[in-house]
PDB file of N, CA and C in Angstrom:
ATOM      1  N   MET A   1     -44.151 -14.116  16.765  1.00  0.00           N
ATOM      2  CA  MET A   1     -44.202 -13.548  15.438  1.00  0.00           C
ATOM      3  C   MET A   1     -44.341 -14.679  14.432  1.00  0.00           C
ATOM      4  N   ILE A   2     -45.262 -14.517  13.500  1.00  0.00           N
ATOM      5  CA  ILE A   2     -45.452 -15.496  12.436  1.00  0.00           C
ATOM      6  C   ILE A   2     -44.963 -14.882  11.129  1.00  0.00           C
ATOM      7  N   VAL A   3     -44.160 -15.643  10.408  1.00  0.00           N
ATOM      8  CA  VAL A   3     -43.636 -15.204   9.116  1.00  0.00           C
ATOM      9  C   VAL A   3     -44.134 -16.184   8.061  1.00  0.00           C
ATOM     10  N   GLN A   4     -44.695 -15.644   6.990  1.00  0.00           N
ATOM     11  CA  GLN A   4     -45.124 -16.473   5.865  1.00  0.00           C
ATOM     12  C   GLN A   4     -44.301 -16.068   4.649  1.00  0.00           C
ATOM     13  N   ARG A   5     -43.679 -17.067   4.021  1.00  0.00           N
ATOM     14  CA  ARG A   5     -42.862 -16.830   2.837  1.00  0.00           C
ATOM     15  C   ARG A   5     -43.415 -17.675   1.706  1.00  0.00           C
ATOM     16  N   GLN A   6     -43.751 -17.023   0.574  1.00  0.00           N
ATOM     17  CA  GLN A   6     -44.244 -17.738  -0.596  1.00  0.00           C
ATOM     18  C   GLN A   6     -43.190 -17.655  -1.697  1.00  0.00           C
ATOM     19  N   MET A   7     -42.851 -18.823  -2.242  1.00  0.00           N
ATOM     20  CA  MET A   7     -41.800 -18.883  -3.242  1.00  0.00           C
ATOM     21  C   MET A   7     -42.240 -19.736  -4.424  1.00  0.00           C
ATOM     22  N   SER A   8     -42.215 -19.157  -5.628  1.00  0.00           N
ATOM     23  CA  SER A   8     -42.503 -19.887  -6.868  1.00  0.00           C
ATOM     24  C   SER A   8     -41.168 -20.261  -7.504  1.00  0.00           C
ATOM     25  N   VAL A   9     -40.917 -21.553  -7.587  1.00  0.00           N
ATOM     26  CA  VAL A   9     -39.611 -22.062  -7.992  1.00  0.00           C
ATOM     27  C   VAL A   9     -39.617 -22.427  -9.471  1.00  0.00           C
ATOM     28  N   LEU A  10     -38.523 -22.114 -10.145  1.00  0.00           N
ATOM     29  CA  LEU A  10     -38.335 -22.537 -11.537  1.00  0.00           C
ATOM     30  C   LEU A  10     -38.273 -24.067 -11.580  1.00  0.00           C
ATOM     31  N   GLU A  11     -38.988 -24.669 -12.522  1.00  0.00           N
ATOM     32  CA  GLU A  11     -39.034 -26.138 -12.621  1.00  0.00           C
ATOM     33  C   GLU A  11     -37.635 -26.753 -12.669  1.00  0.00           C
ATOM     34  N   GLU A  12     -36.753 -26.167 -13.485  1.00  0.00           N
ATOM     35  CA  GLU A  12     -35.414 -26.745 -13.655  1.00  0.00           C
ATOM     36  C   GLU A  12     -34.529 -26.576 -12.426  1.00  0.00           C
ATOM     37  N   GLU A  13     -34.962 -25.761 -11.464  1.00  0.00           N
ATOM     38  CA  GLU A  13     -34.173 -25.525 -10.244  1.00  0.00           C
ATOM     39  C   GLU A  13     -34.798 -26.185  -9.017  1.00  0.00           C
ATOM     40  N   LEU A  14     -35.854 -26.967  -9.225  1.00  0.00           N
ATOM     41  CA  LEU A  14     -36.623 -27.516  -8.118  1.00  0.00           C
ATOM     42  C   LEU A  14     -35.786 -28.363  -7.162  1.00  0.00           C
ATOM     43  N   GLU A  15     -34.971 -29.256  -7.706  1.00  0.00           N
ATOM     44  CA  GLU A  15     -34.175 -30.144  -6.860  1.00  0.00           C
ATOM     45  C   GLU A  15     -33.162 -29.355  -6.023  1.00  0.00           C
ATOM     46  N   GLU A  16     -32.462 -28.425  -6.662  1.00  0.00           N
ATOM     47  CA  GLU A  16     -31.481 -27.597  -5.939  1.00  0.00           C
ATOM     48  C   GLU A  16     -32.169 -26.732  -4.882  1.00  0.00           C
ATOM     49  N   PHE A  17     -33.323 -26.184  -5.233  1.00  0.00           N
ATOM     50  CA  PHE A  17     -34.070 -25.364  -4.280  1.00  0.00           C
ATOM     51  C   PHE A  17     -34.459 -26.185  -3.052  1.00  0.00           C
ATOM     52  N   GLN A  18     -34.942 -27.402  -3.272  1.00  0.00           N
ATOM     53  CA  GLN A  18     -35.364 -28.232  -2.146  1.00  0.00           C
ATOM     54  C   GLN A  18     -34.203 -28.551  -1.212  1.00  0.00           C
ATOM     55  N   LEU A  19     -33.018 -28.760  -1.765  1.00  0.00           N
ATOM     56  CA  LEU A  19     -31.835 -28.986  -0.928  1.00  0.00           C
ATOM     57  C   LEU A  19     -31.506 -27.733  -0.110  1.00  0.00           C
ATOM     58  N   ALA A  20     -31.555 -26.567  -0.758  1.00  0.00           N
ATOM     59  CA  ALA A  20     -31.278 -25.305  -0.059  1.00  0.00           C
ATOM     60  C   ALA A  20     -32.328 -25.038   1.014  1.00  0.00           C
ATOM     61  N   LEU A  21     -33.594 -25.335   0.703  1.00  0.00           N
ATOM     62  CA  LEU A  21     -34.675 -25.126   1.661  1.00  0.00           C
ATOM     63  C   LEU A  21     -34.508 -26.040   2.865  1.00  0.00           C
ATOM     64  N   LYS A  22     -34.141 -27.293   2.638  1.00  0.00           N
ATOM     65  CA  LYS A  22     -33.931 -28.223   3.751  1.00  0.00           C
ATOM     66  C   LYS A  22     -32.820 -27.712   4.669  1.00  0.00           C
ATOM     67  N   HIS A  23     -31.717 -27.268   4.095  1.00  0.00           N
ATOM     68  CA  HIS A  23     -30.619 -26.738   4.902  1.00  0.00           C
ATOM     69  C   HIS A  23     -31.087 -25.514   5.697  1.00  0.00           C
ATOM     70  N   TYR A  24     -31.823 -24.634   5.046  1.00  0.00           N
ATOM     71  CA  TYR A  24     -32.338 -23.433   5.711  1.00  0.00           C
ATOM     72  C   TYR A  24     -33.246 -23.803   6.877  1.00  0.00           C
ATOM     73  N   VAL A  25     -34.191 -24.720   6.651  1.00  0.00           N
ATOM     74  CA  VAL A  25     -35.138 -25.107   7.697  1.00  0.00           C
ATOM     75  C   VAL A  25     -34.410 -25.780   8.863  1.00  0.00           C
ATOM     76  N   ASP A  26     -33.471 -26.665   8.553  1.00  0.00           N
ATOM     77  CA  ASP A  26     -32.695 -27.323   9.619  1.00  0.00           C
ATOM     78  C   ASP A  26     -31.939 -26.290  10.448  1.00  0.00           C
ATOM     79  N   SER A  27     -31.318 -25.323   9.783  1.00  0.00           N
ATOM     80  CA  SER A  27     -30.537 -24.298  10.495  1.00  0.00           C
ATOM     81  C   SER A  27     -31.443 -23.368  11.293  1.00  0.00           C
ATOM     82  N   ALA A  28     -32.542 -22.923  10.704  1.00  0.00           N
ATOM     83  CA  ALA A  28     -33.468 -22.021  11.403  1.00  0.00           C
ATOM     84  C   ALA A  28     -34.071 -22.713  12.613  1.00  0.00           C
ATOM     85  N   SER A  29     -34.478 -23.971  12.456  1.00  0.00           N
ATOM     86  CA  SER A  29     -35.114 -24.716  13.547  1.00  0.00           C
ATOM     87  C   SER A  29     -34.187 -24.897  14.737  1.00  0.00           C
ATOM     88  N   ALA A  30     -32.887 -24.896  14.489  1.00  0.00           N
ATOM     89  CA  ALA A  30     -31.908 -25.083  15.558  1.00  0.00           C
ATOM     90  C   ALA A  30     -31.639 -23.796  16.345  1.00  0.00           C
ATOM     91  N   GLN A  31     -32.126 -22.664  15.862  1.00  0.00           N
ATOM     92  CA  GLN A  31     -31.875 -21.381  16.520  1.00  0.00           C
ATOM     93  C   GLN A  31     -32.733 -21.228  17.768  1.00  0.00           C
ATOM     94  N   SER A  32     -32.149 -20.653  18.813  1.00  0.00           N
ATOM     95  CA  SER A  32     -32.967 -20.364  19.986  1.00  0.00           C
ATOM     96  C   SER A  32     -33.903 -19.227  19.597  1.00  0.00           C
ATOM     97  N   GLY A  33     -35.140 -19.331  19.982  1.00  0.00           N
ATOM     98  CA  GLY A  33     -36.129 -18.332  19.602  1.00  0.00           C
ATOM     99  C   GLY A  33     -36.989 -18.749  18.428  1.00  0.00           C
ATOM    100  N   CYS A  34     -36.570 -19.801  17.707  1.00  0.00           N
ATOM    101  CA  CYS A  34     -37.406 -20.341  16.634  1.00  0.00           C
ATOM    102  C   CYS A  34     -38.317 -21.391  17.261  1.00  0.00           C
ATOM    103  N   LEU A  35     -39.613 -21.145  17.207  1.00  0.00           N
ATOM    104  CA  LEU A  35     -40.571 -22.044  17.845  1.00  0.00           C
ATOM    105  C   LEU A  35     -40.998 -23.187  16.920  1.00  0.00           C
ATOM    106  N   HIS A  36     -41.094 -22.887  15.619  1.00  0.00           N
ATOM    107  CA  HIS A  36     -41.531 -23.921  14.673  1.00  0.00           C
ATOM    108  C   HIS A  36     -41.351 -23.424  13.240  1.00  0.00           C
ATOM    109  N   VAL A  37     -41.049 -24.348  12.328  1.00  0.00           N
ATOM    110  CA  VAL A  37     -41.003 -24.046  10.897  1.00  0.00           C
ATOM    111  C   VAL A  37     -41.797 -25.136  10.188  1.00  0.00           C
ATOM    112  N   SER A  38     -42.679 -24.722   9.299  1.00  0.00           N
ATOM    113  CA  SER A  38     -43.520 -25.660   8.559  1.00  0.00           C
ATOM    114  C   SER A  38     -43.486 -25.296   7.080  1.00  0.00           C
ATOM    115  N   ILE A  39     -43.478 -26.326   6.218  1.00  0.00           N
ATOM    116  CA  ILE A  39     -43.429 -26.108   4.766  1.00  0.00           C
ATOM    117  C   ILE A  39     -44.662 -26.735   4.127  1.00  0.00           C
ATOM    118  N   GLN A  40     -45.259 -26.006   3.232  1.00  0.00           N
ATOM    119  CA  GLN A  40     -46.359 -26.531   2.427  1.00  0.00           C
ATOM    120  C   GLN A  40     -45.964 -26.364   0.970  1.00  0.00           C
ATOM    121  N   LYS A  41     -46.038 -27.470   0.209  1.00  0.00           N
ATOM    122  CA  LYS A  41     -45.790 -27.395  -1.234  1.00  0.00           C
ATOM    123  C   LYS A  41     -47.131 -27.559  -1.919  1.00  0.00           C
ATOM    124  N   LEU A  42     -47.480 -26.612  -2.763  1.00  0.00           N
ATOM    125  CA  LEU A  42     -48.725 -26.719  -3.505  1.00  0.00           C
ATOM    126  C   LEU A  42     -48.549 -27.798  -4.565  1.00  0.00           C
ATOM    127  N   SER A  43     -49.406 -28.786  -4.547  1.00  0.00           N
ATOM    128  CA  SER A  43     -49.202 -30.016  -5.324  1.00  0.00           C
ATOM    129  C   SER A  43     -49.201 -29.820  -6.840  1.00  0.00           C
ATOM    130  N   ASN A  44     -49.977 -28.896  -7.340  1.00  0.00           N
ATOM    131  CA  ASN A  44     -50.089 -28.770  -8.793  1.00  0.00           C
ATOM    132  C   ASN A  44     -49.156 -27.718  -9.387  1.00  0.00           C
ATOM    133  N   GLU A  45     -48.264 -27.167  -8.579  1.00  0.00           N
ATOM    134  CA  GLU A  45     -47.314 -26.180  -9.095  1.00  0.00           C
ATOM    135  C   GLU A  45     -46.042 -26.201  -8.254  1.00  0.00           C
ATOM    136  N   SER A  46     -45.039 -25.493  -8.711  1.00  0.00           N
ATOM    137  CA  SER A  46     -43.755 -25.453  -7.990  1.00  0.00           C
ATOM    138  C   SER A  46     -43.731 -24.269  -7.035  1.00  0.00           C
ATOM    139  N   ARG A  47     -44.745 -24.207  -6.173  1.00  0.00           N
ATOM    140  CA  ARG A  47     -44.810 -23.109  -5.218  1.00  0.00           C
ATOM    141  C   ARG A  47     -44.764 -23.671  -3.807  1.00  0.00           C
ATOM    142  N   PHE A  48     -43.956 -23.020  -2.980  1.00  0.00           N
ATOM    143  CA  PHE A  48     -43.792 -23.425  -1.592  1.00  0.00           C
ATOM    144  C   PHE A  48     -44.230 -22.279  -0.695  1.00  0.00           C
ATOM    145  N   ILE A  49     -44.860 -22.645   0.410  1.00  0.00           N
ATOM    146  CA  ILE A  49     -45.182 -21.667   1.448  1.00  0.00           C
ATOM    147  C   ILE A  49     -44.502 -22.149   2.716  1.00  0.00           C
ATOM    148  N   VAL A  50     -43.674 -21.288   3.294  1.00  0.00           N
ATOM    149  CA  VAL A  50     -42.962 -21.611   4.522  1.00  0.00           C
ATOM    150  C   VAL A  50     -43.540 -20.740   5.627  1.00  0.00           C
ATOM    151  N   TYR A  51     -43.932 -21.393   6.719  1.00  0.00           N
ATOM    152  CA  TYR A  51     -44.427 -20.680   7.902  1.00  0.00           C
ATOM    153  C   TYR A  51     -43.371 -20.808   8.980  1.00  0.00           C
ATOM    154  N   GLU A  52     -42.971 -19.671   9.526  1.00  0.00           N
ATOM    155  CA  GLU A  52     -41.976 -19.664  10.592  1.00  0.00           C
ATOM    156  C   GLU A  52     -42.577 -18.972  11.815  1.00  0.00           C
ATOM    157  N   PHE A  53     -42.410 -19.586  12.963  1.00  0.00           N
ATOM    158  CA  PHE A  53     -42.914 -19.031  14.212  1.00  0.00           C
ATOM    159  C   PHE A  53     -41.705 -18.680  15.082  1.00  0.00           C
ATOM    160  N   TRP A  54     -41.576 -17.390  15.373  1.00  0.00           N
ATOM    161  CA  TRP A  54     -40.433 -16.880  16.135  1.00  0.00           C
ATOM    162  C   TRP A  54     -40.923 -16.259  17.429  1.00  0.00           C
ATOM    163  N   GLU A  55     -40.062 -16.319  18.461  1.00  0.00           N
ATOM    164  CA  GLU A  55     -40.403 -15.780  19.778  1.00  0.00           C
ATOM    165  C   GLU A  55     -40.810 -14.308  19.710  1.00  0.00           C
ATOM    166  N   ASN A  56     -40.061 -13.524  18.943  1.00  0.00           N
ATOM    167  CA  ASN A  56     -40.376 -12.093  18.798  1.00  0.00           C
ATOM    168  C   ASN A  56     -39.635 -11.532  17.586  1.00  0.00           C
ATOM    169  N   SER A  57     -39.884 -10.275  17.280  1.00  0.00           N
ATOM    170  CA  SER A  57     -39.296  -9.681  16.065  1.00  0.00           C
ATOM    171  C   SER A  57     -37.785  -9.496  16.175  1.00  0.00           C
ATOM    172  N   SER A  58     -37.253  -9.280  17.370  1.00  0.00           N
ATOM    173  CA  SER A  58     -35.797  -9.109  17.474  1.00  0.00           C
ATOM    174  C   SER A  58     -35.070 -10.430  17.197  1.00  0.00           C
ATOM    175  N   VAL A  59     -35.647 -11.542  17.611  1.00  0.00           N
ATOM    176  CA  VAL A  59     -35.067 -12.858  17.306  1.00  0.00           C
ATOM    177  C   VAL A  59     -35.122 -13.102  15.798  1.00  0.00           C
ATOM    178  N   TRP A  60     -36.239 -12.738  15.174  1.00  0.00           N
ATOM    179  CA  TRP A  60     -36.397 -12.868  13.712  1.00  0.00           C
ATOM    180  C   TRP A  60     -35.344 -12.028  12.986  1.00  0.00           C
ATOM    181  N   ASN A  61     -35.167 -10.780  13.431  1.00  0.00           N
ATOM    182  CA  ASN A  61     -34.183  -9.899  12.797  1.00  0.00           C
ATOM    183  C   ASN A  61     -32.760 -10.437  12.950  1.00  0.00           C
ATOM    184  N   ARG A  62     -32.446 -11.020  14.109  1.00  0.00           N
ATOM    185  CA  ARG A  62     -31.132 -11.642  14.309  1.00  0.00           C
ATOM    186  C   ARG A  62     -30.955 -12.825  13.353  1.00  0.00           C
ATOM    187  N   HIS A  63     -31.998 -13.608  13.201  1.00  0.00           N
ATOM    188  CA  HIS A  63     -31.988 -14.756  12.293  1.00  0.00           C
ATOM    189  C   HIS A  63     -31.676 -14.309  10.857  1.00  0.00           C
ATOM    190  N   LEU A  64     -32.232 -13.182  10.438  1.00  0.00           N
ATOM    191  CA  LEU A  64     -31.995 -12.687   9.074  1.00  0.00           C
ATOM    192  C   LEU A  64     -30.533 -12.341   8.832  1.00  0.00           C
ATOM    193  N   GLN A  65     -29.791 -12.047   9.887  1.00  0.00           N
ATOM    194  CA  GLN A  65     -28.379 -11.680   9.752  1.00  0.00           C
ATOM    195  C   GLN A  65     -27.436 -12.886   9.779  1.00  0.00           C
ATOM    196  N   MET A  66     -27.986 -14.054  10.063  1.00  0.00           N
ATOM    197  CA  MET A  66     -27.150 -15.257  10.144  1.00  0.00           C
ATOM    198  C   MET A  66     -26.716 -15.691   8.738  1.00  0.00           C
ATOM    199  N   ASN A  67     -25.547 -16.314   8.647  1.00  0.00           N
ATOM    200  CA  ASN A  67     -25.000 -16.733   7.350  1.00  0.00           C
ATOM    201  C   ASN A  67     -25.933 -17.669   6.587  1.00  0.00           C
ATOM    202  N   TYR A  68     -26.536 -18.658   7.270  1.00  0.00           N
ATOM    203  CA  TYR A  68     -27.402 -19.607   6.566  1.00  0.00           C
ATOM    204  C   TYR A  68     -28.610 -18.898   5.954  1.00  0.00           C
ATOM    205  N   SER A  69     -29.123 -17.869   6.638  1.00  0.00           N
ATOM    206  CA  SER A  69     -30.271 -17.119   6.134  1.00  0.00           C
ATOM    207  C   SER A  69     -29.878 -16.282   4.911  1.00  0.00           C
ATOM    208  N   LYS A  70     -28.745 -15.624   5.002  1.00  0.00           N
ATOM    209  CA  LYS A  70     -28.253 -14.820   3.875  1.00  0.00           C
ATOM    210  C   LYS A  70     -27.948 -15.704   2.666  1.00  0.00           C
ATOM    211  N   THR A  71     -27.367 -16.880   2.902  1.00  0.00           N
ATOM    212  CA  THR A  71     -27.056 -17.811   1.819  1.00  0.00           C
ATOM    213  C   THR A  71     -28.336 -18.260   1.122  1.00  0.00           C
ATOM    214  N   PHE A  72     -29.374 -18.561   1.903  1.00  0.00           N
ATOM    215  CA  PHE A  72     -30.652 -18.977   1.318  1.00  0.00           C
ATOM    216  C   PHE A  72     -31.252 -17.845   0.486  1.00  0.00           C
ATOM    217  N   GLN A  73     -31.192 -16.633   0.985  1.00  0.00           N
ATOM    218  CA  GLN A  73     -31.731 -15.488   0.239  1.00  0.00           C
ATOM    219  C   GLN A  73     -30.997 -15.302  -1.093  1.00  0.00           C
ATOM    220  N   ARG A  74     -29.673 -15.423  -1.056  1.00  0.00           N
ATOM    221  CA  ARG A  74     -28.881 -15.267  -2.293  1.00  0.00           C
ATOM    222  C   ARG A  74     -29.203 -16.368  -3.290  1.00  0.00           C
ATOM    223  N   SER A  75     -29.355 -17.601  -2.821  1.00  0.00           N
ATOM    224  CA  SER A  75     -29.634 -18.709  -3.734  1.00  0.00           C
ATOM    225  C   SER A  75     -31.019 -18.573  -4.366  1.00  0.00           C
ATOM    226  N   ASN A  76     -31.950 -17.957  -3.651  1.00  0.00           N
ATOM    227  CA  ASN A  76     -33.298 -17.789  -4.194  1.00  0.00           C
ATOM    228  C   ASN A  76     -33.328 -16.909  -5.433  1.00  0.00           C
ATOM    229  N   VAL A  77     -32.364 -16.042  -5.578  1.00  0.00           N
ATOM    230  CA  VAL A  77     -32.289 -15.198  -6.776  1.00  0.00           C
ATOM    231  C   VAL A  77     -32.216 -16.088  -8.019  1.00  0.00           C
ATOM    232  N   ASP A  78     -31.485 -17.198  -7.918  1.00  0.00           N
ATOM    233  CA  ASP A  78     -31.343 -18.120  -9.050  1.00  0.00           C
ATOM    234  C   ASP A  78     -32.484 -19.124  -9.155  1.00  0.00           C
ATOM    235  N   PHE A  79     -33.133 -19.448  -8.047  1.00  0.00           N
ATOM    236  CA  PHE A  79     -34.113 -20.537  -8.011  1.00  0.00           C
ATOM    237  C   PHE A  79     -35.546 -20.096  -8.290  1.00  0.00           C
ATOM    238  N   LEU A  80     -35.872 -18.830  -8.058  1.00  0.00           N
ATOM    239  CA  LEU A  80     -37.273 -18.412  -8.088  1.00  0.00           C
ATOM    240  C   LEU A  80     -37.684 -17.766  -9.403  1.00  0.00           C
ATOM    241  N   GLU A  81     -38.943 -18.024  -9.795  1.00  0.00           N
ATOM    242  CA  GLU A  81     -39.523 -17.396 -10.987  1.00  0.00           C
ATOM    243  C   GLU A  81     -39.780 -15.916 -10.751  1.00  0.00           C
ATOM    244  N   THR A  82     -40.273 -15.604  -9.571  1.00  0.00           N
ATOM    245  CA  THR A  82     -40.619 -14.230  -9.190  1.00  0.00           C
ATOM    246  C   THR A  82     -40.058 -13.975  -7.802  1.00  0.00           C
ATOM    247  N   PRO A  83     -39.918 -12.724  -7.405  1.00  0.00           N
ATOM    248  CA  PRO A  83     -39.418 -12.451  -6.056  1.00  0.00           C
ATOM    249  C   PRO A  83     -40.315 -13.092  -4.988  1.00  0.00           C
ATOM    250  N   GLU A  84     -39.682 -13.488  -3.921  1.00  0.00           N
ATOM    251  CA  GLU A  84     -40.389 -14.086  -2.783  1.00  0.00           C
ATOM    252  C   GLU A  84     -41.387 -13.092  -2.195  1.00  0.00           C
ATOM    253  N   LEU A  85     -42.551 -13.591  -1.793  1.00  0.00           N
ATOM    254  CA  LEU A  85     -43.530 -12.772  -1.070  1.00  0.00           C
ATOM    255  C   LEU A  85     -43.402 -13.095   0.414  1.00  0.00           C
ATOM    256  N   LEU A  86     -43.176 -12.081   1.204  1.00  0.00           N
ATOM    257  CA  LEU A  86     -42.979 -12.279   2.633  1.00  0.00           C
ATOM    258  C   LEU A  86     -43.976 -11.427   3.403  1.00  0.00           C
ATOM    259  N   SER A  87     -44.619 -12.041   4.380  1.00  0.00           N
ATOM    260  CA  SER A  87     -45.496 -11.266   5.253  1.00  0.00           C
ATOM    261  C   SER A  87     -45.265 -11.707   6.685  1.00  0.00           C
ATOM    262  N   THR A  88     -45.434 -10.789   7.604  1.00  0.00           N
ATOM    263  CA  THR A  88     -45.248 -11.075   9.020  1.00  0.00           C
ATOM    264  C   THR A  88     -46.465 -10.634   9.806  1.00  0.00           C
ATOM    265  N   MET A  89     -46.656 -11.277  10.943  1.00  0.00           N
ATOM    266  CA  MET A  89     -47.749 -10.895  11.824  1.00  0.00           C
ATOM    267  C   MET A  89     -47.283 -11.078  13.263  1.00  0.00           C
ATOM    268  N   LEU A  90     -47.397 -10.015  14.039  1.00  0.00           N
ATOM    269  CA  LEU A  90     -47.072 -10.121  15.454  1.00  0.00           C
ATOM    270  C   LEU A  90     -48.253 -10.754  16.179  1.00  0.00           C
ATOM    271  N   VAL A  91     -47.949 -11.664  17.084  1.00  0.00           N
ATOM    272  CA  VAL A  91     -48.972 -12.351  17.854  1.00  0.00           C
ATOM    273  C   VAL A  91     -48.758 -11.985  19.322  1.00  0.00           C
ATOM    274  N   PRO A  92     -49.817 -11.552  20.011  1.00  0.00           N
ATOM    275  CA  PRO A  92     -49.638 -11.200  21.424  1.00  0.00           C
ATOM    276  C   PRO A  92     -49.170 -12.401  22.244  1.00  0.00           C
ATOM    277  N   GLY A  93     -48.270 -12.158  23.150  1.00  0.00           N
ATOM    278  CA  GLY A  93     -47.774 -13.196  24.032  1.00  0.00           C
ATOM    279  C   GLY A  93     -48.596 -13.260  25.316  1.00  0.00           C
ATOM    280  N   PRO A  94     -48.272 -14.206  26.189  1.00  0.00           N
ATOM    281  CA  PRO A  94     -48.998 -14.300  27.451  1.00  0.00           C
ATOM    282  C   PRO A  94     -48.768 -13.069  28.327  1.00  0.00           C
ATOM    283  N   ILE A  95     -49.745 -12.750  29.104  1.00  0.00           N
ATOM    284  CA  ILE A  95     -49.662 -11.568  29.975  1.00  0.00           C
ATOM    285  C   ILE A  95     -49.007 -11.935  31.287  1.00  0.00           C
TER     286      ILE A  95
END
């Protein structure tokens, strides 16, 4: 499963957001079932795109219930200009 998260960060909250994002990525990457996490920051604006690759949707759903994930979601309420855009795509596994 591929998850794409787009976040537009308030300029004055950029430093705090980056600290929260680093903690989130470190915690998510340590979870079993997380295959990879990648971050792209658009250079001319305060927008981040996070790509997360998870073994399957049940692992992703379990991840959403973890404390570090909930903490990151709550902090985004203060850090973001607009609500986060999230999209997911299931990818077929090996047969």
